[in-house]
Amino acid sequence: MAEERNKLDALNRENEISELFRIVQSASINRAFCSFAIEGTWGVGKTFILERLEEKLEFFKKLVDIGFK
C-alpha cells in the first residue's frame, strides 16, 4: 500500500519527467554526452522524478535491446 502511494504523482510532474526522458533519449540516440541537475528543497519530489525517469529508461532500454537482437 505504501509503495502504491509512493508511485502516485500527486504534484503532476509527468510533463517534467517526459521532457527529461526526451532529452536523455535524444542524447542516447545521437550518442551525445549530457548532464543535468535536479535542484529543489526537501520534499519537492526530486527522488520521485528520478525514480520515474529511471523506470522509463529501463523500459526504453528493453525496447532497444529487443529491437536490435
PDB file of N, CA and C in Angstrom:
ATOM      1  N   MET A   1       0.823  -1.194   0.000  1.00  0.00           N
ATOM      2  CA  MET A   1       0.000   0.000   0.000  1.00  0.00           C
ATOM      3  C   MET A   1       0.874   1.267   0.000  1.00  0.00           C
ATOM      4  N   ALA A   2       1.897   1.284   0.863  1.00  0.00           N
ATOM      5  CA  ALA A   2       2.795   2.440   0.894  1.00  0.00           C
ATOM      6  C   ALA A   2       3.515   2.588  -0.434  1.00  0.00           C
ATOM      7  N   GLU A   3       3.860   1.454  -1.070  1.00  0.00           N
ATOM      8  CA  GLU A   3       4.540   1.500  -2.358  1.00  0.00           C
ATOM      9  C   GLU A   3       3.640   2.117  -3.418  1.00  0.00           C
ATOM     10  N   GLU A   4       2.352   1.769  -3.415  1.00  0.00           N
ATOM     11  CA  GLU A   4       1.407   2.366  -4.366  1.00  0.00           C
ATOM     12  C   GLU A   4       1.304   3.866  -4.148  1.00  0.00           C
ATOM     13  N   ARG A   5       1.259   4.286  -2.905  1.00  0.00           N
ATOM     14  CA  ARG A   5       1.140   5.700  -2.589  1.00  0.00           C
ATOM     15  C   ARG A   5       2.353   6.459  -3.110  1.00  0.00           C
ATOM     16  N   ASN A   6       3.534   5.851  -3.019  1.00  0.00           N
ATOM     17  CA  ASN A   6       4.745   6.495  -3.489  1.00  0.00           C
ATOM     18  C   ASN A   6       4.782   6.631  -5.006  1.00  0.00           C
ATOM     19  N   LYS A   7       4.019   5.831  -5.724  1.00  0.00           N
ATOM     20  CA  LYS A   7       4.001   5.901  -7.184  1.00  0.00           C
ATOM     21  C   LYS A   7       3.009   6.933  -7.714  1.00  0.00           C
ATOM     22  N   LEU A   8       2.118   7.424  -6.867  1.00  0.00           N
ATOM     23  CA  LEU A   8       1.150   8.420  -7.304  1.00  0.00           C
ATOM     24  C   LEU A   8       1.853   9.751  -7.541  1.00  0.00           C
ATOM     25  N   ASP A   9       1.533  10.391  -8.637  1.00  0.00           N
ATOM     26  CA  ASP A   9       2.132  11.678  -8.982  1.00  0.00           C
ATOM     27  C   ASP A   9       1.222  12.795  -8.494  1.00  0.00           C
ATOM     28  N   ALA A  10       1.222  13.012  -7.201  1.00  0.00           N
ATOM     29  CA  ALA A  10       0.327  13.999  -6.585  1.00  0.00           C
ATOM     30  C   ALA A  10       0.637  15.422  -7.027  1.00  0.00           C
ATOM     31  N   LEU A  11       1.861  15.683  -7.439  1.00  0.00           N
ATOM     32  CA  LEU A  11       2.242  17.038  -7.852  1.00  0.00           C
ATOM     33  C   LEU A  11       2.258  17.211  -9.369  1.00  0.00           C
ATOM     34  N   ASN A  12       1.758  16.210 -10.080  1.00  0.00           N
ATOM     35  CA  ASN A  12       1.625  16.267 -11.539  1.00  0.00           C
ATOM     36  C   ASN A  12       2.943  16.656 -12.224  1.00  0.00           C
ATOM     37  N   ARG A  13       3.947  15.822 -12.043  1.00  0.00           N
ATOM     38  CA  ARG A  13       5.261  16.091 -12.609  1.00  0.00           C
ATOM     39  C   ARG A  13       5.526  15.303 -13.875  1.00  0.00           C
ATOM     40  N   GLU A  14       4.521  14.683 -14.429  1.00  0.00           N
ATOM     41  CA  GLU A  14       4.719  13.836 -15.615  1.00  0.00           C
ATOM     42  C   GLU A  14       5.309  14.621 -16.785  1.00  0.00           C
ATOM     43  N   ASN A  15       4.927  15.871 -16.955  1.00  0.00           N
ATOM     44  CA  ASN A  15       5.489  16.673 -18.058  1.00  0.00           C
ATOM     45  C   ASN A  15       6.995  16.837 -17.903  1.00  0.00           C
ATOM     46  N   GLU A  16       7.452  17.121 -16.685  1.00  0.00           N
ATOM     47  CA  GLU A  16       8.883  17.281 -16.444  1.00  0.00           C
ATOM     48  C   GLU A  16       9.615  15.958 -16.652  1.00  0.00           C
ATOM     49  N   ILE A  17       9.018  14.873 -16.184  1.00  0.00           N
ATOM     50  CA  ILE A  17       9.629  13.554 -16.344  1.00  0.00           C
ATOM     51  C   ILE A  17       9.737  13.200 -17.826  1.00  0.00           C
ATOM     52  N   SER A  18       8.683  13.452 -18.566  1.00  0.00           N
ATOM     53  CA  SER A  18       8.692  13.165 -20.007  1.00  0.00           C
ATOM     54  C   SER A  18       9.717  14.012 -20.747  1.00  0.00           C
ATOM     55  N   GLU A  19       9.866  15.261 -20.351  1.00  0.00           N
ATOM     56  CA  GLU A  19      10.844  16.129 -21.007  1.00  0.00           C
ATOM     57  C   GLU A  19      12.267  15.659 -20.707  1.00  0.00           C
ATOM     58  N   LEU A  20      12.540  15.296 -19.472  1.00  0.00           N
ATOM     59  CA  LEU A  20      13.858  14.752 -19.131  1.00  0.00           C
ATOM     60  C   LEU A  20      14.128  13.476 -19.914  1.00  0.00           C
ATOM     61  N   PHE A  21      13.128  12.619 -20.017  1.00  0.00           N
ATOM     62  CA  PHE A  21      13.272  11.383 -20.776  1.00  0.00           C
ATOM     63  C   PHE A  21      13.589  11.686 -22.232  1.00  0.00           C
ATOM     64  N   ARG A  22      12.894  12.641 -22.807  1.00  0.00           N
ATOM     65  CA  ARG A  22      13.126  13.016 -24.206  1.00  0.00           C
ATOM     66  C   ARG A  22      14.566  13.499 -24.408  1.00  0.00           C
ATOM     67  N   ILE A  23      15.067  14.286 -23.478  1.00  0.00           N
ATOM     68  CA  ILE A  23      16.439  14.803 -23.577  1.00  0.00           C
ATOM     69  C   ILE A  23      17.454  13.657 -23.498  1.00  0.00           C
ATOM     70  N   VAL A  24      17.276  12.778 -22.518  1.00  0.00           N
ATOM     71  CA  VAL A  24      18.200  11.654 -22.353  1.00  0.00           C
ATOM     72  C   VAL A  24      18.111  10.705 -23.542  1.00  0.00           C
ATOM     73  N   GLN A  25      16.904  10.442 -24.003  1.00  0.00           N
ATOM     74  CA  GLN A  25      16.707   9.557 -25.151  1.00  0.00           C
ATOM     75  C   GLN A  25      17.376  10.138 -26.393  1.00  0.00           C
ATOM     76  N   SER A  26      17.197  11.418 -26.622  1.00  0.00           N
ATOM     77  CA  SER A  26      17.799  12.072 -27.781  1.00  0.00           C
ATOM     78  C   SER A  26      19.323  12.017 -27.709  1.00  0.00           C
ATOM     79  N   ALA A  27      19.867  12.291 -26.541  1.00  0.00           N
ATOM     80  CA  ALA A  27      21.322  12.235 -26.377  1.00  0.00           C
ATOM     81  C   ALA A  27      21.826  10.817 -26.614  1.00  0.00           C
ATOM     82  N   SER A  28      21.080   9.836 -26.159  1.00  0.00           N
ATOM     83  CA  SER A  28      21.477   8.437 -26.330  1.00  0.00           C
ATOM     84  C   SER A  28      21.460   8.042 -27.805  1.00  0.00           C
ATOM     85  N   ILE A  29      20.398   8.394 -28.492  1.00  0.00           N
ATOM     86  CA  ILE A  29      20.272   8.051 -29.910  1.00  0.00           C
ATOM     87  C   ILE A  29      21.369   8.722 -30.726  1.00  0.00           C
ATOM     88  N   ASN A  30      21.687   9.973 -30.377  1.00  0.00           N
ATOM     89  CA  ASN A  30      22.706  10.729 -31.105  1.00  0.00           C
ATOM     90  C   ASN A  30      24.114  10.498 -30.556  1.00  0.00           C
ATOM     91  N   ARG A  31      24.213   9.622 -29.559  1.00  0.00           N
ATOM     92  CA  ARG A  31      25.487   9.312 -28.913  1.00  0.00           C
ATOM     93  C   ARG A  31      26.193  10.572 -28.436  1.00  0.00           C
ATOM     94  N   ALA A  32      25.420  11.473 -27.859  1.00  0.00           N
ATOM     95  CA  ALA A  32      25.948  12.727 -27.323  1.00  0.00           C
ATOM     96  C   ALA A  32      26.034  12.623 -25.799  1.00  0.00           C
ATOM     97  N   PHE A  33      26.891  13.419 -25.246  1.00  0.00           N
ATOM     98  CA  PHE A  33      27.003  13.458 -23.797  1.00  0.00           C
ATOM     99  C   PHE A  33      26.055  14.524 -23.261  1.00  0.00           C
ATOM    100  N   CYS A  34      25.509  14.263 -22.100  1.00  0.00           N
ATOM    101  CA  CYS A  34      24.697  15.290 -21.469  1.00  0.00           C
ATOM    102  C   CYS A  34      24.741  15.094 -19.966  1.00  0.00           C
ATOM    103  N   SER A  35      24.526  16.161 -19.266  1.00  0.00           N
ATOM    104  CA  SER A  35      24.394  16.088 -17.815  1.00  0.00           C
ATOM    105  C   SER A  35      23.367  17.128 -17.409  1.00  0.00           C
ATOM    106  N   PHE A  36      22.725  16.866 -16.312  1.00  0.00           N
ATOM    107  CA  PHE A  36      21.754  17.811 -15.797  1.00  0.00           C
ATOM    108  C   PHE A  36      21.678  17.653 -14.297  1.00  0.00           C
ATOM    109  N   ALA A  37      21.121  18.646 -13.665  1.00  0.00           N
ATOM    110  CA  ALA A  37      20.962  18.621 -12.215  1.00  0.00           C
ATOM    111  C   ALA A  37      19.495  18.860 -11.887  1.00  0.00           C
ATOM    112  N   ILE A  38      19.054  18.214 -10.860  1.00  0.00           N
ATOM    113  CA  ILE A  38      17.707  18.459 -10.352  1.00  0.00           C
ATOM    114  C   ILE A  38      17.876  19.076  -8.974  1.00  0.00           C
ATOM    115  N   GLU A  39      17.490  20.320  -8.871  1.00  0.00           N
ATOM    116  CA  GLU A  39      17.650  21.048  -7.623  1.00  0.00           C
ATOM    117  C   GLU A  39      16.288  21.364  -7.035  1.00  0.00           C
ATOM    118  N   GLY A  40      16.220  21.419  -5.748  1.00  0.00           N
ATOM    119  CA  GLY A  40      14.994  21.789  -5.067  1.00  0.00           C
ATOM    120  C   GLY A  40      15.114  21.527  -3.581  1.00  0.00           C
ATOM    121  N   THR A  41      14.244  22.128  -2.860  1.00  0.00           N
ATOM    122  CA  THR A  41      14.254  21.937  -1.418  1.00  0.00           C
ATOM    123  C   THR A  41      13.703  20.564  -1.071  1.00  0.00           C
ATOM    124  N   TRP A  42      13.868  20.188   0.177  1.00  0.00           N
ATOM    125  CA  TRP A  42      13.407  18.899   0.656  1.00  0.00           C
ATOM    126  C   TRP A  42      11.905  18.783   0.429  1.00  0.00           C
ATOM    127  N   GLY A  43      11.491  17.644  -0.111  1.00  0.00           N
ATOM    128  CA  GLY A  43      10.071  17.352  -0.232  1.00  0.00           C
ATOM    129  C   GLY A  43       9.400  17.780  -1.522  1.00  0.00           C
ATOM    130  N   VAL A  44      10.166  18.326  -2.473  1.00  0.00           N
ATOM    131  CA  VAL A  44       9.539  18.767  -3.718  1.00  0.00           C
ATOM    132  C   VAL A  44       9.454  17.668  -4.767  1.00  0.00           C
ATOM    133  N   GLY A  45      10.079  16.509  -4.498  1.00  0.00           N
ATOM    134  CA  GLY A  45       9.908  15.378  -5.395  1.00  0.00           C
ATOM    135  C   GLY A  45      11.080  15.050  -6.294  1.00  0.00           C
ATOM    136  N   LYS A  46      12.275  15.460  -5.911  1.00  0.00           N
ATOM    137  CA  LYS A  46      13.455  15.159  -6.742  1.00  0.00           C
ATOM    138  C   LYS A  46      13.636  13.649  -6.898  1.00  0.00           C
ATOM    139  N   THR A  47      13.551  12.936  -5.806  1.00  0.00           N
ATOM    140  CA  THR A  47      13.716  11.481  -5.855  1.00  0.00           C
ATOM    141  C   THR A  47      12.606  10.844  -6.668  1.00  0.00           C
ATOM    142  N   PHE A  48      11.385  11.315  -6.508  1.00  0.00           N
ATOM    143  CA  PHE A  48      10.247  10.796  -7.265  1.00  0.00           C
ATOM    144  C   PHE A  48      10.513  10.933  -8.761  1.00  0.00           C
ATOM    145  N   ILE A  49      10.962  12.106  -9.186  1.00  0.00           N
ATOM    146  CA  ILE A  49      11.227  12.353 -10.600  1.00  0.00           C
ATOM    147  C   ILE A  49      12.321  11.418 -11.109  1.00  0.00           C
ATOM    148  N   LEU A  50      13.393  11.281 -10.355  1.00  0.00           N
ATOM    149  CA  LEU A  50      14.491  10.417 -10.794  1.00  0.00           C
ATOM    150  C   LEU A  50      14.073   8.952 -10.848  1.00  0.00           C
ATOM    151  N   GLU A  51      13.266   8.508  -9.901  1.00  0.00           N
ATOM    152  CA  GLU A  51      12.795   7.118  -9.926  1.00  0.00           C
ATOM    153  C   GLU A  51      11.902   6.854 -11.131  1.00  0.00           C
ATOM    154  N   ARG A  52      11.008   7.777 -11.455  1.00  0.00           N
ATOM    155  CA  ARG A  52      10.147   7.603 -12.624  1.00  0.00           C
ATOM    156  C   ARG A  52      10.949   7.669 -13.902  1.00  0.00           C
ATOM    157  N   LEU A  53      11.939   8.561 -13.955  1.00  0.00           N
ATOM    158  CA  LEU A  53      12.810   8.643 -15.129  1.00  0.00           C
ATOM    159  C   LEU A  53      13.566   7.331 -15.308  1.00  0.00           C
ATOM    160  N   GLU A  54      14.056   6.782 -14.224  1.00  0.00           N
ATOM    161  CA  GLU A  54      14.760   5.503 -14.292  1.00  0.00           C
ATOM    162  C   GLU A  54      13.855   4.396 -14.824  1.00  0.00           C
ATOM    163  N   GLU A  55      12.593   4.376 -14.394  1.00  0.00           N
ATOM    164  CA  GLU A  55      11.637   3.381 -14.897  1.00  0.00           C
ATOM    165  C   GLU A  55      11.448   3.516 -16.401  1.00  0.00           C
ATOM    166  N   LYS A  56      11.295   4.749 -16.872  1.00  0.00           N
ATOM    167  CA  LYS A  56      11.115   4.979 -18.308  1.00  0.00           C
ATOM    168  C   LYS A  56      12.360   4.564 -19.083  1.00  0.00           C
ATOM    169  N   LEU A  57      13.527   4.856 -18.542  1.00  0.00           N
ATOM    170  CA  LEU A  57      14.766   4.496 -19.219  1.00  0.00           C
ATOM    171  C   LEU A  57      14.961   2.988 -19.261  1.00  0.00           C
ATOM    172  N   GLU A  58      14.595   2.291 -18.199  1.00  0.00           N
ATOM    173  CA  GLU A  58      14.686   0.829 -18.195  1.00  0.00           C
ATOM    174  C   GLU A  58      13.772   0.234 -19.261  1.00  0.00           C
ATOM    175  N   PHE A  59      12.563   0.767 -19.378  1.00  0.00           N
ATOM    176  CA  PHE A  59      11.616   0.296 -20.386  1.00  0.00           C
ATOM    177  C   PHE A  59      12.173   0.564 -21.783  1.00  0.00           C
ATOM    178  N   PHE A  60      12.709   1.757 -22.012  1.00  0.00           N
ATOM    179  CA  PHE A  60      13.295   2.133 -23.296  1.00  0.00           C
ATOM    180  C   PHE A  60      14.466   1.207 -23.634  1.00  0.00           C
ATOM    181  N   LYS A  61      15.307   0.917 -22.638  1.00  0.00           N
ATOM    182  CA  LYS A  61      16.454   0.028 -22.849  1.00  0.00           C
ATOM    183  C   LYS A  61      15.989  -1.353 -23.282  1.00  0.00           C
ATOM    184  N   LYS A  62      14.925  -1.853 -22.668  1.00  0.00           N
ATOM    185  CA  LYS A  62      14.400  -3.164 -23.051  1.00  0.00           C
ATOM    186  C   LYS A  62      13.901  -3.145 -24.491  1.00  0.00           C
ATOM    187  N   LEU A  63      13.223  -2.067 -24.880  1.00  0.00           N
ATOM    188  CA  LEU A  63      12.742  -1.961 -26.258  1.00  0.00           C
ATOM    189  C   LEU A  63      13.905  -1.928 -27.242  1.00  0.00           C
ATOM    190  N   VAL A  64      14.930  -1.166 -26.925  1.00  0.00           N
ATOM    191  CA  VAL A  64      16.084  -1.058 -27.811  1.00  0.00           C
ATOM    192  C   VAL A  64      16.805  -2.400 -27.883  1.00  0.00           C
ATOM    193  N   ASP A  65      16.990  -3.050 -26.733  1.00  0.00           N
ATOM    194  CA  ASP A  65      17.653  -4.359 -26.726  1.00  0.00           C
ATOM    195  C   ASP A  65      16.879  -5.373 -27.569  1.00  0.00           C
ATOM    196  N   ILE A  66      15.576  -5.375 -27.451  1.00  0.00           N
ATOM    197  CA  ILE A  66      14.733  -6.305 -28.230  1.00  0.00           C
ATOM    198  C   ILE A  66      14.829  -5.965 -29.716  1.00  0.00           C
ATOM    199  N   GLY A  67      14.804  -4.659 -30.027  1.00  0.00           N
ATOM    200  CA  GLY A  67      14.802  -4.235 -31.423  1.00  0.00           C
ATOM    201  C   GLY A  67      16.085  -4.525 -32.172  1.00  0.00           C
ATOM    202  N   PHE A  68      17.212  -4.639 -31.452  1.00  0.00           N
ATOM    203  CA  PHE A  68      18.487  -4.810 -32.115  1.00  0.00           C
ATOM    204  C   PHE A  68      19.051  -6.214 -32.000  1.00  0.00           C
ATOM    205  N   LYS A  69      18.298  -7.152 -31.467  1.00  0.00           N
ATOM    206  CA  LYS A  69      18.797  -8.526 -31.343  1.00  0.00           C
ATOM    207  C   LYS A  69      18.473  -9.331 -32.566  1.00  0.00           C
TER     208      LYS A  69
END
